[in-house]
Amino acid sequence: MAPNLPVEPPCKFFTLEEANKMLPLVRVIVGDIVRQNQLVIEIKQRLGSLLLDRRRSASDIYTEELAHSQSELQVEESKLNEFVDELTKLGVELKGPQDGLCDFPTMREGRAVYLCWRLGEPEIQHWHELDAGAAGRQPISISSSSKVSS
């Protein structure tokens, strides 16, 4: 079992206003990530089925299709990585490629925390501690939004 390592605070911090202003761009990138991730999953499933069929068959009729699918997987994984890199360069951390869960580092009451947003939400409405994850999401209330700053 790996030791519990401390969570390193991020180097770029957003105010709630800055993060919400970035959402139109982030929404497009995250939408691309979710779609691309689904495509990669589908190719991996197809590849798994082909490998299983190949093991059951005495012939090599699946060799060409396997090679094509493996090549396609590499290309599509590369595209997915490019989208994730684009998001990372903005300072936004992808937490869930399946559902578009993202974190924006911020400061709250003198400590680093995350503003938490999921694809489909109209704006950032939650925050959580660095080590809490989405399960620890708490609503940003009007009175606490002034405590979330850069």
Protein backbone atom coordinates (compact mmCIF):
# COMPACT_ATOMS: atom_id res chain seq x y z
CA MET A 1 0.00 0.00 0.00
CA ALA A 2 1.37 3.41 -1.00
CA PRO A 3 1.95 5.97 1.75
CA ASN A 4 -0.37 8.95 1.93
CA LEU A 5 1.50 11.71 0.16
CA PRO A 6 0.63 15.33 0.83
CA VAL A 7 -1.42 17.02 -1.86
CA GLU A 8 0.73 19.69 -3.52
CA PRO A 9 -0.99 23.02 -3.91
CA PRO A 10 -1.34 24.21 -7.50
CA CYS A 11 0.75 27.11 -8.79
CA LYS A 12 -2.04 29.07 -10.54
CA PHE A 13 -5.11 30.28 -8.67
CA PHE A 14 -8.42 31.59 -10.02
CA THR A 15 -11.01 33.86 -8.51
CA LEU A 16 -14.58 32.65 -8.87
CA GLU A 17 -15.16 35.44 -11.40
CA GLU A 18 -12.07 34.49 -13.45
CA ALA A 19 -13.03 30.83 -13.50
CA ASN A 20 -16.60 31.58 -14.57
CA LYS A 21 -15.32 33.89 -17.34
CA MET A 22 -13.21 31.00 -18.66
CA LEU A 23 -16.15 28.60 -18.77
CA PRO A 24 -17.12 29.21 -22.42
CA LEU A 25 -13.66 28.07 -23.57
CA VAL A 26 -13.39 25.35 -20.92
CA ARG A 27 -16.86 24.07 -21.85
CA VAL A 28 -15.77 23.57 -25.49
CA ILE A 29 -12.51 21.84 -24.56
CA VAL A 30 -14.17 19.62 -21.95
CA GLY A 31 -16.94 18.72 -24.41
CA ASP A 32 -14.22 17.61 -26.84
CA ILE A 33 -12.54 15.60 -24.06
CA VAL A 34 -15.75 13.81 -23.08
CA ARG A 35 -16.55 12.91 -26.71
CA GLN A 36 -12.98 11.86 -27.46
CA ASN A 37 -12.77 9.81 -24.26
CA GLN A 38 -15.96 7.96 -25.26
CA LEU A 39 -14.48 7.25 -28.69
CA VAL A 40 -11.29 5.86 -27.11
CA ILE A 41 -13.38 3.66 -24.79
CA GLU A 42 -15.35 2.31 -27.76
CA ILE A 43 -12.17 1.52 -29.71
CA LYS A 44 -10.69 -0.25 -26.66
CA GLN A 45 -13.87 -2.31 -26.31
CA ARG A 46 -13.77 -3.23 -29.99
CA LEU A 47 -10.11 -4.15 -29.65
CA GLY A 48 -10.89 -6.32 -26.64
CA SER A 49 -13.60 -8.13 -28.58
CA LEU A 50 -11.27 -8.66 -31.52
CA LEU A 51 -8.56 -10.07 -29.27
CA LEU A 52 -11.07 -12.43 -27.67
CA ASP A 53 -12.39 -13.53 -31.08
CA ARG A 54 -8.82 -14.04 -32.29
CA ARG A 55 -8.04 -16.31 -29.32
CA ARG A 56 -11.15 -18.38 -30.05
CA SER A 57 -10.29 -18.73 -33.74
CA ALA A 58 -7.53 -20.88 -35.18
CA SER A 59 -7.02 -18.52 -38.13
CA ASP A 60 -5.50 -15.05 -38.40
CA ILE A 61 -8.55 -13.45 -40.02
CA TYR A 62 -8.52 -10.76 -37.31
CA THR A 63 -4.89 -9.67 -37.77
CA GLU A 64 -5.58 -6.85 -40.22
CA GLU A 65 -8.54 -5.50 -38.26
CA LEU A 66 -6.52 -5.70 -35.04
CA ALA A 67 -3.68 -3.71 -36.59
CA HIS A 68 -6.12 -1.12 -37.91
CA SER A 69 -7.87 -0.79 -34.53
CA GLN A 70 -4.58 -0.51 -32.64
CA SER A 71 -3.42 2.23 -35.01
CA GLU A 72 -6.76 4.01 -34.68
CA LEU A 73 -6.52 3.79 -30.89
CA GLN A 74 -3.09 5.44 -30.90
CA VAL A 75 -4.35 8.31 -33.05
CA GLU A 76 -7.47 8.88 -30.96
CA GLU A 77 -5.59 8.64 -27.63
CA SER A 78 -3.15 11.23 -28.96
CA LYS A 79 -6.05 13.58 -29.79
CA LEU A 80 -7.49 13.03 -26.31
CA ASN A 81 -4.13 13.86 -24.74
CA GLU A 82 -3.93 17.06 -26.81
CA PHE A 83 -7.33 18.20 -25.49
CA VAL A 84 -6.30 17.42 -21.91
CA ASP A 85 -3.00 19.30 -22.41
CA GLU A 86 -4.93 22.30 -23.76
CA LEU A 87 -7.06 22.35 -20.61
CA THR A 88 -4.04 21.87 -18.35
CA LYS A 89 -2.25 24.82 -19.99
CA LEU A 90 -5.18 26.99 -18.92
CA GLY A 91 -4.55 25.94 -15.32
CA VAL A 92 -7.69 23.80 -15.12
CA GLU A 93 -7.41 20.25 -13.78
CA LEU A 94 -9.46 17.51 -15.42
CA LYS A 95 -10.80 15.08 -12.82
CA GLY A 96 -13.41 13.14 -14.79
CA PRO A 97 -13.03 12.62 -18.54
CA GLN A 98 -16.28 10.61 -18.62
CA ASP A 99 -18.48 13.37 -17.23
CA GLY A 100 -16.35 16.48 -17.70
CA LEU A 101 -15.53 17.09 -14.05
CA CYS A 102 -12.94 19.87 -13.61
CA ASP A 103 -11.27 21.75 -10.80
CA PHE A 104 -10.04 25.33 -10.77
CA PRO A 105 -7.47 25.99 -8.03
CA THR A 106 -8.39 28.91 -5.77
CA MET A 107 -7.70 30.29 -2.31
CA ARG A 108 -10.34 30.16 0.39
CA GLU A 109 -9.77 31.53 3.86
CA GLY A 110 -6.00 31.48 3.33
CA ARG A 111 -5.72 27.91 2.02
CA ALA A 112 -5.71 26.31 -1.40
CA VAL A 113 -8.96 24.61 -2.42
CA TYR A 114 -10.71 23.80 -5.70
CA LEU A 115 -13.64 25.43 -7.44
CA CYS A 116 -15.46 22.43 -8.88
CA TRP A 117 -17.41 22.38 -12.16
CA ARG A 118 -18.98 19.62 -14.24
CA LEU A 119 -19.89 19.79 -17.92
CA GLY A 120 -23.55 20.79 -18.18
CA GLU A 121 -23.54 23.07 -15.14
CA PRO A 122 -24.28 26.69 -16.10
CA GLU A 123 -21.54 28.12 -13.87
CA ILE A 124 -19.25 27.16 -11.04
CA GLN A 125 -21.43 26.54 -8.02
CA HIS A 126 -19.27 24.26 -5.83
CA TRP A 127 -15.90 24.05 -4.14
CA HIS A 128 -14.02 21.34 -2.23
CA GLU A 129 -10.81 20.76 -0.30
CA LEU A 130 -7.77 19.66 -2.32
CA ASP A 131 -7.98 16.10 -1.00
CA ALA A 132 -11.78 15.79 -0.82
CA GLY A 133 -12.61 15.16 -4.47
CA ALA A 134 -16.04 15.62 -6.00
CA ALA A 135 -17.63 13.68 -3.15
CA GLY A 136 -16.66 16.59 -0.88
CA ARG A 137 -18.28 19.25 -3.09
CA GLN A 138 -19.89 22.04 -1.13
CA PRO A 139 -22.11 24.76 -2.56
CA ILE A 140 -20.68 28.23 -2.93
CA SER A 141 -23.08 30.44 -1.06
CA ILE A 142 -23.38 34.16 -1.72
CA SER A 143 -21.74 34.92 1.62
CA SER A 144 -18.90 32.45 1.02
CA SER A 145 -18.26 33.51 -2.57
CA SER A 146 -16.49 36.59 -1.25
CA LYS A 147 -14.14 34.25 0.64
CA VAL A 148 -13.14 32.48 -2.58
CA SER A 149 -10.53 34.65 -4.23
CA SER A 150 -7.13 34.74 -5.89
